[in-house]
């Protein structure tokens, strides 16, 4: 995979008031699971929970601390979680997948090859209530950049930390370097994930597919 050659096209323009990328219009693609939709869903879920007796729905979980942009190796302060912690959750999911595969083999059942609902249920059953599908799917492209190009990933983290940007802005910024990597690999974003030992267990995010398709269509005559 020719990842290093794409770095020139993914460098952030340092002399701008905001972080910009070549072809920054990419970020305008809507997402099915937007933050506003998630907030609405959370509000509705909280209303449903308040209408029930404690523990009735079996979904009680400790309140999670929000993520903030941190530099590599930096611990988040206060009641916050840093990005090293976020990426570690993906590593934990990989271990839970191995456990699910082992159990399935012992029972003679079909083994999942990717992190599915079965893995999330297994994680919750084993006390990892902080691991859930919406969160892990929401940031999976950020983890992908971390795995494929740690130098670019770390650069983004430092830049957005220096500018005081929130985690949502950093999350959006992680898309374009991945599109550049896909361009250098004949737009085979699926193959890029499948050839990486840590990423092959994750599904390619829908928005990342859409961004690659949109950019590829611009190159067609």
N, C-alpha and C. Protein backbone atom coordinates (compact mmCIF):
# COMPACT_ATOMS: atom_id res chain seq x y z
N UNK A 1 0.84 -1.19 0.00
CA UNK A 1 0.00 0.00 0.00
C UNK A 1 0.88 1.24 0.00
N UNK A 2 0.65 2.16 -0.91
CA UNK A 2 1.46 3.35 -1.00
C UNK A 2 0.82 4.47 -0.20
N UNK A 3 1.10 4.47 1.10
CA UNK A 3 0.48 5.45 1.99
C UNK A 3 1.32 6.71 2.08
N UNK A 4 2.64 6.53 2.14
CA UNK A 4 3.51 7.68 2.34
C UNK A 4 3.39 8.70 1.23
N UNK A 5 3.15 8.25 -0.01
CA UNK A 5 3.12 9.16 -1.14
C UNK A 5 1.93 10.09 -1.14
N UNK A 6 0.94 9.81 -0.31
CA UNK A 6 -0.26 10.65 -0.31
C UNK A 6 -0.18 11.78 0.69
N UNK A 7 0.90 11.86 1.46
CA UNK A 7 0.94 12.83 2.54
C UNK A 7 0.97 14.26 2.04
N UNK A 8 1.64 14.49 0.89
CA UNK A 8 1.69 15.85 0.38
C UNK A 8 0.31 16.39 0.09
N UNK A 9 -0.59 15.52 -0.36
CA UNK A 9 -1.93 15.97 -0.71
C UNK A 9 -2.84 16.08 0.49
N UNK A 10 -2.36 15.68 1.66
CA UNK A 10 -3.22 15.72 2.85
C UNK A 10 -2.72 16.68 3.90
N UNK A 11 -1.66 17.44 3.58
CA UNK A 11 -1.13 18.37 4.57
C UNK A 11 -2.13 19.47 4.83
N UNK A 12 -2.22 19.86 6.06
CA UNK A 12 -3.14 20.92 6.46
C UNK A 12 -2.51 22.27 6.18
N UNK A 13 -3.31 23.21 5.70
CA UNK A 13 -2.80 24.54 5.40
C UNK A 13 -2.67 25.31 6.71
N UNK A 14 -1.46 25.47 7.16
CA UNK A 14 -1.21 26.03 8.48
C UNK A 14 -1.55 27.52 8.57
N UNK A 15 -1.55 28.25 7.44
CA UNK A 15 -1.73 29.69 7.51
C UNK A 15 -3.19 30.11 7.43
N UNK A 16 -4.09 29.20 7.70
CA UNK A 16 -5.51 29.53 7.66
C UNK A 16 -6.05 29.63 9.07
N UNK A 17 -7.12 30.37 9.24
CA UNK A 17 -7.74 30.49 10.56
C UNK A 17 -8.42 29.20 10.97
N UNK A 18 -8.79 28.39 9.99
CA UNK A 18 -9.40 27.10 10.26
C UNK A 18 -8.62 26.03 9.54
N UNK A 19 -8.68 24.79 10.06
CA UNK A 19 -8.00 23.68 9.39
C UNK A 19 -8.68 23.42 8.07
N UNK A 20 -7.90 23.38 6.99
CA UNK A 20 -8.46 23.18 5.67
C UNK A 20 -7.74 22.04 4.99
N UNK A 21 -8.43 21.42 4.05
CA UNK A 21 -7.83 20.36 3.26
C UNK A 21 -8.10 20.65 1.80
N UNK A 22 -7.25 20.12 0.95
CA UNK A 22 -7.51 20.22 -0.47
C UNK A 22 -8.82 19.49 -0.73
N UNK A 23 -9.74 20.16 -1.41
CA UNK A 23 -11.03 19.54 -1.65
C UNK A 23 -11.86 19.46 -0.40
N UNK A 24 -11.86 20.53 0.41
CA UNK A 24 -12.54 20.47 1.70
C UNK A 24 -14.03 20.31 1.58
N UNK A 25 -14.59 20.42 0.37
CA UNK A 25 -16.02 20.21 0.19
C UNK A 25 -16.46 18.81 0.55
N UNK A 26 -15.49 17.92 0.71
CA UNK A 26 -15.81 16.55 1.10
C UNK A 26 -16.61 16.49 2.38
N UNK A 27 -16.32 17.39 3.29
CA UNK A 27 -16.92 17.29 4.61
C UNK A 27 -18.40 17.63 4.57
N UNK A 28 -18.88 18.14 3.44
CA UNK A 28 -20.29 18.49 3.34
C UNK A 28 -21.22 17.31 3.17
N UNK A 29 -20.68 16.12 2.98
CA UNK A 29 -21.52 14.95 2.80
C UNK A 29 -22.22 14.63 4.12
N UNK A 30 -23.55 14.50 4.10
CA UNK A 30 -24.28 14.24 5.35
C UNK A 30 -24.05 12.84 5.85
N UNK A 31 -24.24 12.64 7.13
CA UNK A 31 -24.10 11.33 7.75
C UNK A 31 -25.45 10.88 8.28
N UNK A 32 -25.68 9.59 8.21
CA UNK A 32 -26.94 9.06 8.71
C UNK A 32 -27.00 9.18 10.23
N UNK A 33 -25.86 9.05 10.88
CA UNK A 33 -25.84 9.12 12.34
C UNK A 33 -25.18 10.42 12.78
N UNK A 34 -25.81 11.54 12.48
CA UNK A 34 -25.26 12.83 12.84
C UNK A 34 -25.34 13.03 14.34
N UNK A 35 -24.54 13.99 14.83
CA UNK A 35 -24.53 14.24 16.27
C UNK A 35 -25.88 14.74 16.74
N UNK A 36 -26.58 15.55 15.89
CA UNK A 36 -27.89 16.05 16.30
C UNK A 36 -28.89 14.92 16.41
N UNK A 37 -28.82 13.97 15.47
CA UNK A 37 -29.72 12.81 15.54
C UNK A 37 -29.44 11.99 16.78
N UNK A 38 -28.14 11.85 17.11
CA UNK A 38 -27.78 11.06 18.28
C UNK A 38 -28.29 11.73 19.56
N UNK A 39 -28.21 13.08 19.59
CA UNK A 39 -28.70 13.78 20.77
C UNK A 39 -30.20 13.60 20.92
N UNK A 40 -30.93 13.64 19.77
CA UNK A 40 -32.37 13.42 19.82
C UNK A 40 -32.68 12.01 20.32
N UNK A 41 -31.91 11.04 19.81
CA UNK A 41 -32.13 9.66 20.22
C UNK A 41 -31.85 9.49 21.70
N UNK A 42 -30.76 10.14 22.17
CA UNK A 42 -30.42 10.05 23.59
C UNK A 42 -31.52 10.66 24.45
N UNK A 43 -32.08 11.81 23.99
CA UNK A 43 -33.15 12.47 24.74
C UNK A 43 -34.37 11.57 24.84
N UNK A 44 -34.74 10.97 23.70
CA UNK A 44 -35.90 10.07 23.69
C UNK A 44 -35.66 8.85 24.58
N UNK A 45 -34.41 8.34 24.55
CA UNK A 45 -34.09 7.17 25.37
C UNK A 45 -34.18 7.51 26.85
N UNK A 46 -33.69 8.73 27.20
CA UNK A 46 -33.75 9.14 28.60
C UNK A 46 -35.20 9.28 29.06
N UNK A 47 -36.07 9.80 28.18
CA UNK A 47 -37.48 9.93 28.53
C UNK A 47 -38.10 8.57 28.78
N UNK A 48 -37.75 7.59 27.91
CA UNK A 48 -38.30 6.26 28.09
C UNK A 48 -37.82 5.64 29.38
N UNK A 49 -36.54 5.88 29.71
CA UNK A 49 -36.00 5.30 30.93
C UNK A 49 -36.64 5.90 32.17
N UNK A 50 -36.91 7.21 32.13
CA UNK A 50 -37.52 7.85 33.28
C UNK A 50 -38.93 7.35 33.52
N UNK A 51 -39.57 6.84 32.46
CA UNK A 51 -40.94 6.36 32.59
C UNK A 51 -41.00 4.94 33.12
N UNK A 52 -39.82 4.31 33.30
CA UNK A 52 -39.78 2.94 33.78
C UNK A 52 -39.18 2.89 35.18
N UNK A 53 -39.37 1.75 35.80
CA UNK A 53 -38.73 1.54 37.09
C UNK A 53 -37.24 1.34 36.87
N UNK A 54 -36.40 1.71 37.84
CA UNK A 54 -34.95 1.54 37.69
C UNK A 54 -34.58 0.10 37.36
N UNK A 55 -33.80 -0.05 36.30
CA UNK A 55 -33.32 -1.37 35.92
C UNK A 55 -34.32 -2.19 35.14
N UNK A 56 -35.49 -1.64 34.87
CA UNK A 56 -36.52 -2.43 34.19
C UNK A 56 -36.11 -2.80 32.77
N UNK A 57 -35.47 -1.84 32.07
CA UNK A 57 -35.12 -2.11 30.68
C UNK A 57 -33.80 -2.84 30.55
N UNK A 58 -33.08 -3.00 31.65
CA UNK A 58 -31.82 -3.74 31.61
C UNK A 58 -30.72 -3.01 30.88
N UNK A 59 -30.90 -1.71 30.58
CA UNK A 59 -29.92 -0.98 29.79
C UNK A 59 -29.19 0.09 30.61
N UNK A 60 -29.32 0.04 31.93
CA UNK A 60 -28.66 1.04 32.75
C UNK A 60 -27.15 0.93 32.57
N UNK A 61 -26.51 2.05 32.31
CA UNK A 61 -25.07 2.06 32.16
C UNK A 61 -24.53 3.35 32.77
N UNK A 62 -23.31 3.32 33.29
CA UNK A 62 -22.75 4.53 33.89
C UNK A 62 -22.59 5.62 32.84
N UNK A 63 -22.78 6.85 33.28
CA UNK A 63 -22.64 7.98 32.36
C UNK A 63 -21.20 8.09 31.89
N UNK A 64 -21.01 8.23 30.58
CA UNK A 64 -19.67 8.27 30.02
C UNK A 64 -19.15 9.70 29.97
N UNK A 65 -17.87 9.86 30.21
CA UNK A 65 -17.25 11.16 30.11
C UNK A 65 -17.01 11.50 28.63
N UNK A 66 -17.20 12.74 28.24
CA UNK A 66 -17.02 13.11 26.83
C UNK A 66 -15.56 13.07 26.40
N UNK A 67 -15.35 12.91 25.09
CA UNK A 67 -14.00 12.91 24.55
C UNK A 67 -13.54 14.33 24.28
N UNK A 68 -12.25 14.54 24.43
CA UNK A 68 -11.63 15.80 24.04
C UNK A 68 -10.40 15.47 23.20
N UNK A 69 -9.97 16.44 22.40
CA UNK A 69 -8.79 16.24 21.56
C UNK A 69 -7.54 16.30 22.43
N UNK A 70 -6.76 15.25 22.40
CA UNK A 70 -5.51 15.19 23.16
C UNK A 70 -4.38 14.78 22.24
N UNK A 71 -3.18 15.19 22.58
CA UNK A 71 -2.00 14.78 21.83
C UNK A 71 -1.64 13.35 22.18
N UNK A 72 -0.85 12.69 21.33
CA UNK A 72 -0.43 11.32 21.64
C UNK A 72 0.29 11.25 22.99
N UNK A 73 -0.15 10.34 23.84
CA UNK A 73 0.47 10.16 25.14
C UNK A 73 -0.06 11.09 26.21
N UNK A 74 -0.93 12.00 25.85
CA UNK A 74 -1.47 12.96 26.82
C UNK A 74 -2.71 12.39 27.51
N UNK A 75 -2.77 12.54 28.81
CA UNK A 75 -3.93 12.10 29.57
C UNK A 75 -4.93 13.25 29.66
N UNK A 76 -6.19 12.94 29.48
CA UNK A 76 -7.22 13.97 29.59
C UNK A 76 -7.39 14.38 31.04
N UNK A 77 -7.70 15.64 31.26
CA UNK A 77 -7.88 16.15 32.61
C UNK A 77 -9.36 16.22 32.96
N UNK A 78 -9.62 16.15 34.25
CA UNK A 78 -10.99 16.24 34.70
C UNK A 78 -11.81 15.05 34.26
N UNK A 79 -13.10 15.27 34.14
CA UNK A 79 -14.00 14.19 33.75
C UNK A 79 -14.12 14.12 32.23
N UNK A 80 -12.98 13.87 31.60
CA UNK A 80 -12.91 13.78 30.14
C UNK A 80 -12.14 12.53 29.76
N UNK A 81 -12.31 12.10 28.53
CA UNK A 81 -11.54 10.98 27.98
C UNK A 81 -10.75 11.47 26.78
N UNK A 82 -9.49 11.03 26.69
CA UNK A 82 -8.64 11.44 25.59
C UNK A 82 -8.70 10.48 24.42
N UNK A 83 -7.97 10.82 23.36
CA UNK A 83 -8.02 10.03 22.13
C UNK A 83 -7.23 8.73 22.23
N UNK A 84 -6.21 8.69 23.07
CA UNK A 84 -5.51 7.42 23.28
C UNK A 84 -6.47 6.39 23.89
N UNK A 85 -7.30 6.87 24.80
CA UNK A 85 -8.31 6.00 25.42
C UNK A 85 -9.31 5.52 24.37
N UNK A 86 -9.72 6.43 23.48
CA UNK A 86 -10.65 6.07 22.42
C UNK A 86 -10.08 4.96 21.54
N UNK A 87 -8.84 5.13 21.11
CA UNK A 87 -8.23 4.13 20.23
C UNK A 87 -8.03 2.80 20.95
N UNK A 88 -7.81 2.86 22.25
CA UNK A 88 -7.65 1.62 23.02
C UNK A 88 -8.95 0.82 23.05
N UNK A 89 -10.09 1.50 22.96
CA UNK A 89 -11.37 0.79 22.93
C UNK A 89 -11.47 -0.12 21.71
N UNK A 90 -10.89 0.33 20.60
CA UNK A 90 -10.90 -0.49 19.38
C UNK A 90 -10.01 -1.72 19.55
N UNK A 91 -8.90 -1.54 20.26
CA UNK A 91 -8.03 -2.68 20.54
C UNK A 91 -8.78 -3.69 21.42
N UNK A 92 -9.54 -3.19 22.38
CA UNK A 92 -10.31 -4.08 23.25
C UNK A 92 -11.37 -4.83 22.45
N UNK A 93 -11.99 -4.15 21.50
CA UNK A 93 -12.99 -4.81 20.66
C UNK A 93 -12.38 -5.98 19.90
N UNK A 94 -11.15 -5.79 19.44
CA UNK A 94 -10.46 -6.87 18.74
C UNK A 94 -10.28 -8.08 19.63
N UNK A 95 -9.97 -7.85 20.90
CA UNK A 95 -9.80 -8.95 21.85
C UNK A 95 -11.14 -9.64 22.14
N UNK A 96 -12.20 -8.84 22.25
CA UNK A 96 -13.52 -9.44 22.48
C UNK A 96 -13.96 -10.27 21.27
N UNK A 97 -13.59 -9.83 20.07
CA UNK A 97 -13.91 -10.60 18.87
C UNK A 97 -13.22 -11.96 18.92
N UNK A 98 -11.96 -11.98 19.34
CA UNK A 98 -11.24 -13.25 19.45
C UNK A 98 -11.93 -14.19 20.44
N UNK A 99 -12.44 -13.63 21.53
CA UNK A 99 -13.14 -14.45 22.52
C UNK A 99 -14.43 -15.01 21.93
N UNK A 100 -15.16 -14.19 21.19
CA UNK A 100 -16.40 -14.64 20.56
C UNK A 100 -16.09 -15.74 19.54
N UNK A 101 -15.02 -15.58 18.79
CA UNK A 101 -14.64 -16.59 17.80
C UNK A 101 -14.27 -17.91 18.48
N UNK A 102 -13.56 -17.81 19.60
CA UNK A 102 -13.17 -19.03 20.33
C UNK A 102 -14.40 -19.76 20.85
N UNK A 103 -15.33 -19.01 21.42
CA UNK A 103 -16.55 -19.62 21.95
C UNK A 103 -17.37 -20.26 20.84
N UNK A 104 -17.43 -19.58 19.69
CA UNK A 104 -18.19 -20.10 18.56
C UNK A 104 -17.58 -21.41 18.05
N UNK A 105 -16.26 -21.47 18.00
CA UNK A 105 -15.59 -22.69 17.54
C UNK A 105 -15.85 -23.84 18.50
N UNK A 106 -15.83 -23.55 19.79
CA UNK A 106 -16.08 -24.59 20.78
C UNK A 106 -17.49 -25.15 20.66
N UNK A 107 -18.43 -24.30 20.25
CA UNK A 107 -19.82 -24.73 20.11
C UNK A 107 -20.12 -25.25 18.71
N UNK A 108 -19.12 -25.18 17.83
CA UNK A 108 -19.34 -25.63 16.46
C UNK A 108 -20.20 -24.67 15.66
N UNK A 109 -20.22 -23.40 16.06
CA UNK A 109 -21.03 -22.40 15.37
C UNK A 109 -20.16 -21.58 14.42
N UNK A 110 -20.82 -20.82 13.56
CA UNK A 110 -20.12 -19.98 12.61
C UNK A 110 -19.45 -18.83 13.35
N UNK A 111 -18.18 -18.58 13.01
CA UNK A 111 -17.42 -17.52 13.68
C UNK A 111 -17.56 -16.19 12.94
N UNK A 112 -17.87 -15.12 13.65
CA UNK A 112 -17.89 -13.81 13.00
C UNK A 112 -16.46 -13.38 12.66
N UNK A 113 -16.30 -12.69 11.57
CA UNK A 113 -14.97 -12.22 11.17
C UNK A 113 -14.81 -10.72 11.40
N UNK A 114 -15.91 -10.05 11.72
CA UNK A 114 -15.87 -8.62 11.99
C UNK A 114 -16.57 -8.32 13.31
N UNK A 115 -16.35 -7.11 13.80
CA UNK A 115 -17.00 -6.69 15.05
C UNK A 115 -18.47 -6.44 14.76
N UNK A 116 -19.31 -7.31 15.26
CA UNK A 116 -20.75 -7.24 15.03
C UNK A 116 -21.48 -7.02 16.35
N UNK A 117 -22.81 -7.00 16.28
CA UNK A 117 -23.62 -6.85 17.49
C UNK A 117 -23.30 -7.94 18.51
N UNK A 118 -22.98 -9.12 18.01
CA UNK A 118 -22.64 -10.23 18.89
C UNK A 118 -21.42 -9.89 19.76
N UNK A 119 -20.46 -9.22 19.16
CA UNK A 119 -19.25 -8.83 19.90
C UNK A 119 -19.57 -7.75 20.93
N UNK A 120 -20.41 -6.78 20.54
CA UNK A 120 -20.78 -5.73 21.49
C UNK A 120 -21.56 -6.30 22.67
N UNK A 121 -22.42 -7.28 22.40
CA UNK A 121 -23.16 -7.91 23.50
C UNK A 121 -22.22 -8.67 24.42
N UNK A 122 -21.24 -9.34 23.82
CA UNK A 122 -20.26 -10.08 24.61
C UNK A 122 -19.45 -9.14 25.49
N UNK A 123 -19.07 -7.99 24.93
CA UNK A 123 -18.30 -7.01 25.70
C UNK A 123 -19.11 -6.51 26.88
N UNK A 124 -20.38 -6.20 26.64
CA UNK A 124 -21.25 -5.71 27.71
C UNK A 124 -21.44 -6.78 28.78
N UNK A 125 -21.61 -8.02 28.34
CA UNK A 125 -21.81 -9.13 29.27
C UNK A 125 -20.60 -9.32 30.18
N UNK A 126 -19.43 -8.95 29.67
CA UNK A 126 -18.19 -9.10 30.43
C UNK A 126 -17.77 -7.81 31.14
N UNK A 127 -18.72 -6.90 31.29
CA UNK A 127 -18.48 -5.71 32.08
C UNK A 127 -17.98 -4.49 31.34
N UNK A 128 -17.73 -4.61 30.04
CA UNK A 128 -17.24 -3.47 29.26
C UNK A 128 -18.43 -2.65 28.75
N UNK A 129 -19.18 -2.07 29.68
CA UNK A 129 -20.37 -1.31 29.31
C UNK A 129 -20.02 -0.01 28.59
N UNK A 130 -18.76 0.38 28.66
CA UNK A 130 -18.31 1.61 28.00
C UNK A 130 -18.08 1.39 26.50
N UNK A 131 -18.17 0.15 26.04
CA UNK A 131 -18.04 -0.15 24.61
C UNK A 131 -19.44 -0.36 24.04
N UNK A 132 -19.81 0.45 23.06
CA UNK A 132 -21.12 0.29 22.44
C UNK A 132 -21.02 0.58 20.95
N UNK A 133 -21.96 0.04 20.22
CA UNK A 133 -21.93 0.12 18.76
C UNK A 133 -21.95 1.54 18.21
N UNK A 134 -22.86 2.42 18.67
CA UNK A 134 -22.89 3.78 18.09
C UNK A 134 -21.56 4.51 18.22
N UNK A 135 -20.95 4.43 19.39
CA UNK A 135 -19.69 5.14 19.60
C UNK A 135 -18.58 4.56 18.74
N UNK A 136 -18.47 3.25 18.68
CA UNK A 136 -17.37 2.63 17.95
C UNK A 136 -17.52 2.85 16.44
N UNK A 137 -18.74 2.83 15.94
CA UNK A 137 -18.96 3.10 14.52
C UNK A 137 -18.73 4.58 14.19
N UNK A 138 -19.00 5.45 15.15
CA UNK A 138 -18.91 6.89 14.95
C UNK A 138 -17.46 7.34 14.69
N UNK A 139 -16.52 6.69 15.36
CA UNK A 139 -15.12 7.12 15.28
C UNK A 139 -14.22 6.13 14.55
N UNK A 140 -14.79 5.14 13.88
CA UNK A 140 -13.96 4.09 13.31
C UNK A 140 -13.02 4.62 12.23
N UNK A 141 -13.43 5.65 11.49
CA UNK A 141 -12.52 6.20 10.47
C UNK A 141 -11.34 6.92 11.12
N UNK A 142 -11.54 7.47 12.31
CA UNK A 142 -10.43 8.11 13.03
C UNK A 142 -9.41 7.05 13.45
N UNK A 143 -9.92 5.92 13.89
CA UNK A 143 -9.04 4.81 14.25
C UNK A 143 -8.33 4.28 13.01
N UNK A 144 -9.03 4.28 11.87
CA UNK A 144 -8.42 3.82 10.63
C UNK A 144 -7.22 4.69 10.25
N UNK A 145 -7.37 6.00 10.37
CA UNK A 145 -6.25 6.89 10.07
C UNK A 145 -5.10 6.65 11.04
N UNK A 146 -5.43 6.41 12.30
CA UNK A 146 -4.43 6.11 13.32
C UNK A 146 -3.64 4.86 12.94
N UNK A 147 -4.31 3.87 12.38
CA UNK A 147 -3.65 2.61 12.01
C UNK A 147 -2.86 2.73 10.71
N UNK A 148 -3.39 3.47 9.75
CA UNK A 148 -2.79 3.54 8.42
C UNK A 148 -1.68 4.57 8.31
N UNK A 149 -1.82 5.66 9.02
CA UNK A 149 -0.83 6.74 8.93
C UNK A 149 -0.77 7.46 10.28
N UNK A 150 -0.03 6.89 11.19
CA UNK A 150 0.03 7.44 12.55
C UNK A 150 0.64 8.84 12.56
N UNK A 151 1.56 9.11 11.63
CA UNK A 151 2.18 10.44 11.58
C UNK A 151 1.14 11.51 11.26
N UNK A 152 0.31 11.25 10.25
CA UNK A 152 -0.73 12.21 9.89
C UNK A 152 -1.77 12.31 10.99
N UNK A 153 -2.12 11.19 11.59
CA UNK A 153 -3.09 11.17 12.68
C UNK A 153 -2.59 12.00 13.86
N UNK A 154 -1.34 11.82 14.23
CA UNK A 154 -0.76 12.57 15.35
C UNK A 154 -0.67 14.06 15.03
N UNK A 155 -0.37 14.37 13.77
CA UNK A 155 -0.30 15.77 13.35
C UNK A 155 -1.65 16.46 13.51
N UNK A 156 -2.70 15.78 13.11
CA UNK A 156 -4.05 16.34 13.26
C UNK A 156 -4.39 16.55 14.73
N UNK A 157 -4.03 15.59 15.55
CA UNK A 157 -4.33 15.70 16.98
C UNK A 157 -3.64 16.91 17.59
N UNK A 158 -2.37 17.09 17.26
CA UNK A 158 -1.62 18.22 17.82
C UNK A 158 -2.19 19.55 17.32
N UNK A 159 -2.50 19.60 16.02
CA UNK A 159 -3.01 20.84 15.44
C UNK A 159 -4.35 21.24 16.05
N UNK A 160 -5.25 20.28 16.15
CA UNK A 160 -6.58 20.60 16.67
C UNK A 160 -6.54 20.86 18.18
N UNK A 161 -5.60 20.26 18.87
CA UNK A 161 -5.42 20.56 20.29
C UNK A 161 -4.92 21.99 20.45
N UNK A 162 -3.94 22.40 19.64
CA UNK A 162 -3.39 23.75 19.72
C UNK A 162 -4.45 24.80 19.43
N UNK A 163 -5.34 24.50 18.51
CA UNK A 163 -6.38 25.46 18.13
C UNK A 163 -7.60 25.41 19.04
N UNK A 164 -7.60 24.50 19.98
CA UNK A 164 -8.72 24.41 20.90
C UNK A 164 -9.99 23.90 20.25
N UNK A 165 -9.85 23.13 19.17
CA UNK A 165 -11.01 22.59 18.47
C UNK A 165 -11.63 21.45 19.27
N UNK A 166 -12.93 21.25 19.07
CA UNK A 166 -13.60 20.16 19.77
C UNK A 166 -13.41 18.85 19.01
N UNK A 167 -13.83 17.77 19.63
CA UNK A 167 -13.58 16.45 19.05
C UNK A 167 -14.38 16.24 17.77
N UNK A 168 -15.52 16.95 17.63
CA UNK A 168 -16.31 16.82 16.41
C UNK A 168 -15.57 17.36 15.19
N UNK A 169 -14.89 18.49 15.36
CA UNK A 169 -14.12 19.07 14.26
C UNK A 169 -12.95 18.17 13.90
N UNK A 170 -12.28 17.64 14.91
CA UNK A 170 -11.17 16.70 14.66
C UNK A 170 -11.67 15.46 13.93
N UNK A 171 -12.81 14.96 14.34
CA UNK A 171 -13.38 13.77 13.72
C UNK A 171 -13.64 14.00 12.23
N UNK A 172 -14.20 15.15 11.89
CA UNK A 172 -14.46 15.46 10.48
C UNK A 172 -13.16 15.56 9.70
N UNK A 173 -12.13 16.12 10.32
CA UNK A 173 -10.85 16.31 9.64
C UNK A 173 -10.16 14.99 9.31
N UNK A 174 -10.52 13.94 10.00
CA UNK A 174 -9.88 12.64 9.77
C UNK A 174 -10.31 11.99 8.46
N UNK A 175 -11.37 12.48 7.85
CA UNK A 175 -11.86 11.84 6.62
C UNK A 175 -10.92 12.04 5.43
N UNK A 176 -10.49 13.28 5.20
CA UNK A 176 -9.82 13.55 3.94
C UNK A 176 -8.49 12.80 3.76
N UNK A 177 -7.66 12.67 4.79
CA UNK A 177 -6.44 11.87 4.59
C UNK A 177 -6.75 10.44 4.15
N UNK A 178 -7.87 9.90 4.62
CA UNK A 178 -8.24 8.54 4.21
C UNK A 178 -8.66 8.51 2.74
N UNK A 179 -9.34 9.56 2.30
CA UNK A 179 -9.72 9.65 0.89
C UNK A 179 -8.47 9.74 0.02
N UNK A 180 -7.47 10.49 0.49
CA UNK A 180 -6.21 10.60 -0.25
C UNK A 180 -5.50 9.25 -0.32
N UNK A 181 -5.54 8.51 0.77
CA UNK A 181 -4.94 7.17 0.78
C UNK A 181 -5.67 6.27 -0.21
N UNK A 182 -6.99 6.37 -0.24
CA UNK A 182 -7.78 5.56 -1.18
C UNK A 182 -7.43 5.93 -2.62
N UNK A 183 -7.23 7.21 -2.88
CA UNK A 183 -6.88 7.66 -4.24
C UNK A 183 -5.56 7.03 -4.69
N UNK A 184 -4.61 6.96 -3.78
CA UNK A 184 -3.30 6.39 -4.12
C UNK A 184 -3.36 4.87 -4.26
N UNK A 185 -4.47 4.28 -3.87
CA UNK A 185 -4.62 2.82 -3.96
C UNK A 185 -5.81 2.44 -4.83
N UNK A 186 -5.98 3.20 -5.91
CA UNK A 186 -7.00 2.91 -6.92
C UNK A 186 -8.41 2.87 -6.33
N UNK A 187 -8.64 3.70 -5.32
CA UNK A 187 -9.94 3.87 -4.68
C UNK A 187 -10.47 2.59 -4.02
N UNK A 188 -9.57 1.68 -3.72
CA UNK A 188 -9.98 0.41 -3.11
C UNK A 188 -9.99 0.54 -1.59
N UNK A 189 -10.94 1.32 -1.07
CA UNK A 189 -10.99 1.55 0.37
C UNK A 189 -11.32 0.26 1.13
N UNK A 190 -12.11 -0.61 0.51
CA UNK A 190 -12.43 -1.89 1.13
C UNK A 190 -11.17 -2.74 1.27
N UNK A 191 -10.37 -2.77 0.21
CA UNK A 191 -9.13 -3.53 0.25
C UNK A 191 -8.14 -2.97 1.26
N UNK A 192 -8.12 -1.64 1.39
CA UNK A 192 -7.22 -1.01 2.35
C UNK A 192 -7.55 -1.48 3.76
N UNK A 193 -8.83 -1.52 4.08
CA UNK A 193 -9.24 -2.02 5.40
C UNK A 193 -8.90 -3.50 5.55
N UNK A 194 -9.21 -4.29 4.54
CA UNK A 194 -9.04 -5.74 4.65
C UNK A 194 -7.58 -6.17 4.71
N UNK A 195 -6.69 -5.36 4.17
CA UNK A 195 -5.27 -5.72 4.19
C UNK A 195 -4.57 -5.31 5.47
N UNK A 196 -5.25 -4.56 6.31
CA UNK A 196 -4.66 -4.13 7.57
C UNK A 196 -5.16 -5.04 8.69
N UNK A 197 -4.24 -5.58 9.47
CA UNK A 197 -4.61 -6.56 10.50
C UNK A 197 -5.60 -6.00 11.52
N UNK A 198 -5.48 -4.74 11.85
CA UNK A 198 -6.35 -4.16 12.87
C UNK A 198 -7.66 -3.64 12.29
N UNK A 199 -7.65 -3.29 11.01
CA UNK A 199 -8.85 -2.70 10.40
C UNK A 199 -9.76 -3.73 9.73
N UNK A 200 -9.22 -4.88 9.41
CA UNK A 200 -10.01 -5.85 8.65
C UNK A 200 -11.22 -6.37 9.43
N UNK A 201 -11.24 -6.14 10.73
CA UNK A 201 -12.38 -6.60 11.54
C UNK A 201 -13.48 -5.54 11.61
N UNK A 202 -13.26 -4.39 10.96
CA UNK A 202 -14.24 -3.30 11.00
C UNK A 202 -14.83 -3.06 9.62
N UNK A 203 -16.10 -2.71 9.60
CA UNK A 203 -16.76 -2.34 8.34
C UNK A 203 -16.34 -0.93 7.93
N UNK A 204 -16.19 -0.72 6.63
CA UNK A 204 -15.86 0.62 6.13
C UNK A 204 -17.06 1.53 6.35
N UNK A 205 -16.88 2.69 6.98
CA UNK A 205 -18.00 3.60 7.23
C UNK A 205 -18.68 4.04 5.94
N UNK A 206 -19.99 4.17 5.99
CA UNK A 206 -20.75 4.58 4.81
C UNK A 206 -20.30 5.93 4.28
N UNK A 207 -20.08 6.88 5.17
CA UNK A 207 -19.69 8.21 4.70
C UNK A 207 -18.34 8.17 4.00
N UNK A 208 -17.41 7.36 4.48
CA UNK A 208 -16.10 7.25 3.84
C UNK A 208 -16.25 6.68 2.44
N UNK A 209 -17.12 5.70 2.28
CA UNK A 209 -17.39 5.16 0.94
C UNK A 209 -17.94 6.25 0.03
N UNK A 210 -18.87 7.04 0.56
CA UNK A 210 -19.49 8.10 -0.24
C UNK A 210 -18.47 9.15 -0.66
N UNK A 211 -17.59 9.51 0.25
CA UNK A 211 -16.57 10.51 -0.06
C UNK A 211 -15.63 10.01 -1.15
N UNK A 212 -15.24 8.75 -1.05
CA UNK A 212 -14.36 8.17 -2.06
C UNK A 212 -15.06 8.13 -3.42
N UNK A 213 -16.33 7.75 -3.41
CA UNK A 213 -17.08 7.69 -4.66
C UNK A 213 -17.22 9.08 -5.27
N UNK A 214 -17.47 10.08 -4.44
CA UNK A 214 -17.64 11.44 -4.92
C UNK A 214 -16.35 11.98 -5.54
N UNK A 215 -15.23 11.74 -4.87
CA UNK A 215 -13.96 12.22 -5.39
C UNK A 215 -13.54 11.46 -6.65
N UNK A 216 -13.83 10.18 -6.67
CA UNK A 216 -13.48 9.39 -7.85
C UNK A 216 -14.28 9.85 -9.07
N UNK A 217 -15.54 10.21 -8.85
CA UNK A 217 -16.39 10.66 -9.96
C UNK A 217 -15.88 11.96 -10.56
N UNK A 218 -15.17 12.77 -9.77
CA UNK A 218 -14.62 14.02 -10.28
C UNK A 218 -13.49 13.77 -11.27
N UNK A 219 -12.83 12.63 -11.13
CA UNK A 219 -11.71 12.31 -12.00
C UNK A 219 -12.15 11.68 -13.31
N UNK A 220 -13.40 11.23 -13.36
CA UNK A 220 -13.91 10.59 -14.58
C UNK A 220 -14.24 11.67 -15.60
N UNK A 221 -13.90 11.45 -16.89
CA UNK A 221 -14.19 12.45 -17.94
C UNK A 221 -15.68 12.58 -18.17
